[in-house]
Amino acid sequence: MRQQLREKIIRVCNDKIAQKGETVGLSFYAFFANRNDDPELLMEAAEWWIRTHKLDHFEKAVKIRTMIEQQQ
């Protein structure tokens, strides 16, 4: 996963956790605007979320942030 996406995911997770608390859930769509302005990045996130890690549609932001931070 490219660094740009990793940083974006961590930033969004941190923002959501700060706004709604440690139990907030999100989907990989949370990392993108409503309009599909970067399809390559969207597909990279979907690949990581769905195929690589087989995550549910909604996951806890804390879990996702930890996974990204631990990934090399």
Protein backbone atom coordinates (compact mmCIF):
# COMPACT_ATOMS: atom_id res chain seq x y z
CA MET A 1 0.00 0.00 0.00
CA ARG A 2 1.40 3.36 -0.95
CA GLN A 3 2.37 5.81 1.77
CA GLN A 4 -0.19 8.41 0.63
CA LEU A 5 -3.04 5.98 1.30
CA ARG A 6 -1.59 4.80 4.62
CA GLU A 7 -1.35 8.40 5.86
CA LYS A 8 -4.88 9.19 4.67
CA ILE A 9 -6.34 6.13 6.43
CA ILE A 10 -4.61 6.96 9.71
CA ARG A 11 -5.71 10.60 9.49
CA VAL A 12 -9.35 9.68 8.81
CA CYS A 13 -9.37 7.07 11.58
CA ASN A 14 -7.92 9.58 14.05
CA ASP A 15 -10.50 12.20 13.04
CA LYS A 16 -13.43 9.77 13.35
CA ILE A 17 -12.20 8.49 16.72
CA ALA A 18 -11.78 12.06 18.01
CA GLN A 19 -15.30 12.98 16.82
CA LYS A 20 -17.25 9.88 17.81
CA GLY A 21 -15.14 7.89 20.25
CA GLU A 22 -13.17 4.66 20.29
CA THR A 23 -16.10 2.50 19.21
CA VAL A 24 -16.77 4.27 15.90
CA GLY A 25 -16.93 2.04 12.86
CA LEU A 26 -16.20 2.88 9.26
CA SER A 27 -15.91 1.35 5.81
CA PHE A 28 -13.13 1.88 3.30
CA TYR A 29 -15.38 4.41 1.55
CA ALA A 30 -14.75 6.76 4.51
CA PHE A 31 -11.33 7.51 3.03
CA PHE A 32 -12.76 9.00 -0.17
CA ALA A 33 -15.00 11.83 -1.30
CA ASN A 34 -18.46 10.97 -2.57
CA ARG A 35 -17.23 11.39 -6.07
CA ASN A 36 -14.77 8.91 -7.47
CA ASP A 37 -11.90 11.31 -8.16
CA ASP A 38 -9.10 8.76 -7.68
CA PRO A 39 -10.24 5.30 -8.84
CA GLU A 40 -6.75 3.76 -8.54
CA LEU A 41 -6.46 4.73 -4.88
CA LEU A 42 -10.02 3.56 -4.21
CA MET A 43 -9.27 0.16 -5.75
CA GLU A 44 -6.06 -0.10 -3.74
CA ALA A 45 -8.00 0.48 -0.52
CA ALA A 46 -10.71 -1.97 -1.57
CA GLU A 47 -8.11 -4.62 -2.42
CA TRP A 48 -6.43 -4.20 0.98
CA TRP A 49 -9.76 -4.18 2.86
CA ILE A 50 -11.67 -6.90 1.01
CA ARG A 51 -9.26 -9.31 -0.67
CA THR A 52 -6.15 -9.06 1.49
CA HIS A 53 -7.74 -8.88 4.95
CA LYS A 54 -11.30 -10.08 4.29
CA LEU A 55 -12.73 -7.42 6.58
CA ASP A 56 -16.44 -6.80 7.13
CA HIS A 57 -18.06 -3.81 5.46
CA PHE A 58 -17.84 -1.83 8.71
CA GLU A 59 -14.89 -2.20 11.09
CA LYS A 60 -13.78 -0.27 14.15
CA ALA A 61 -11.57 2.69 13.25
CA VAL A 62 -9.20 1.74 16.08
CA LYS A 63 -8.69 -1.71 14.52
CA ILE A 64 -8.01 -0.31 11.05
CA ARG A 65 -5.58 2.31 12.38
CA THR A 66 -3.68 -0.35 14.32
CA MET A 67 -3.50 -2.64 11.28
CA ILE A 68 -2.10 0.15 9.11
CA GLU A 69 0.40 1.28 11.75
CA GLN A 70 1.70 -2.28 12.17
CA GLN A 71 1.99 -2.91 8.44
CA GLN A 72 5.40 -2.49 6.87
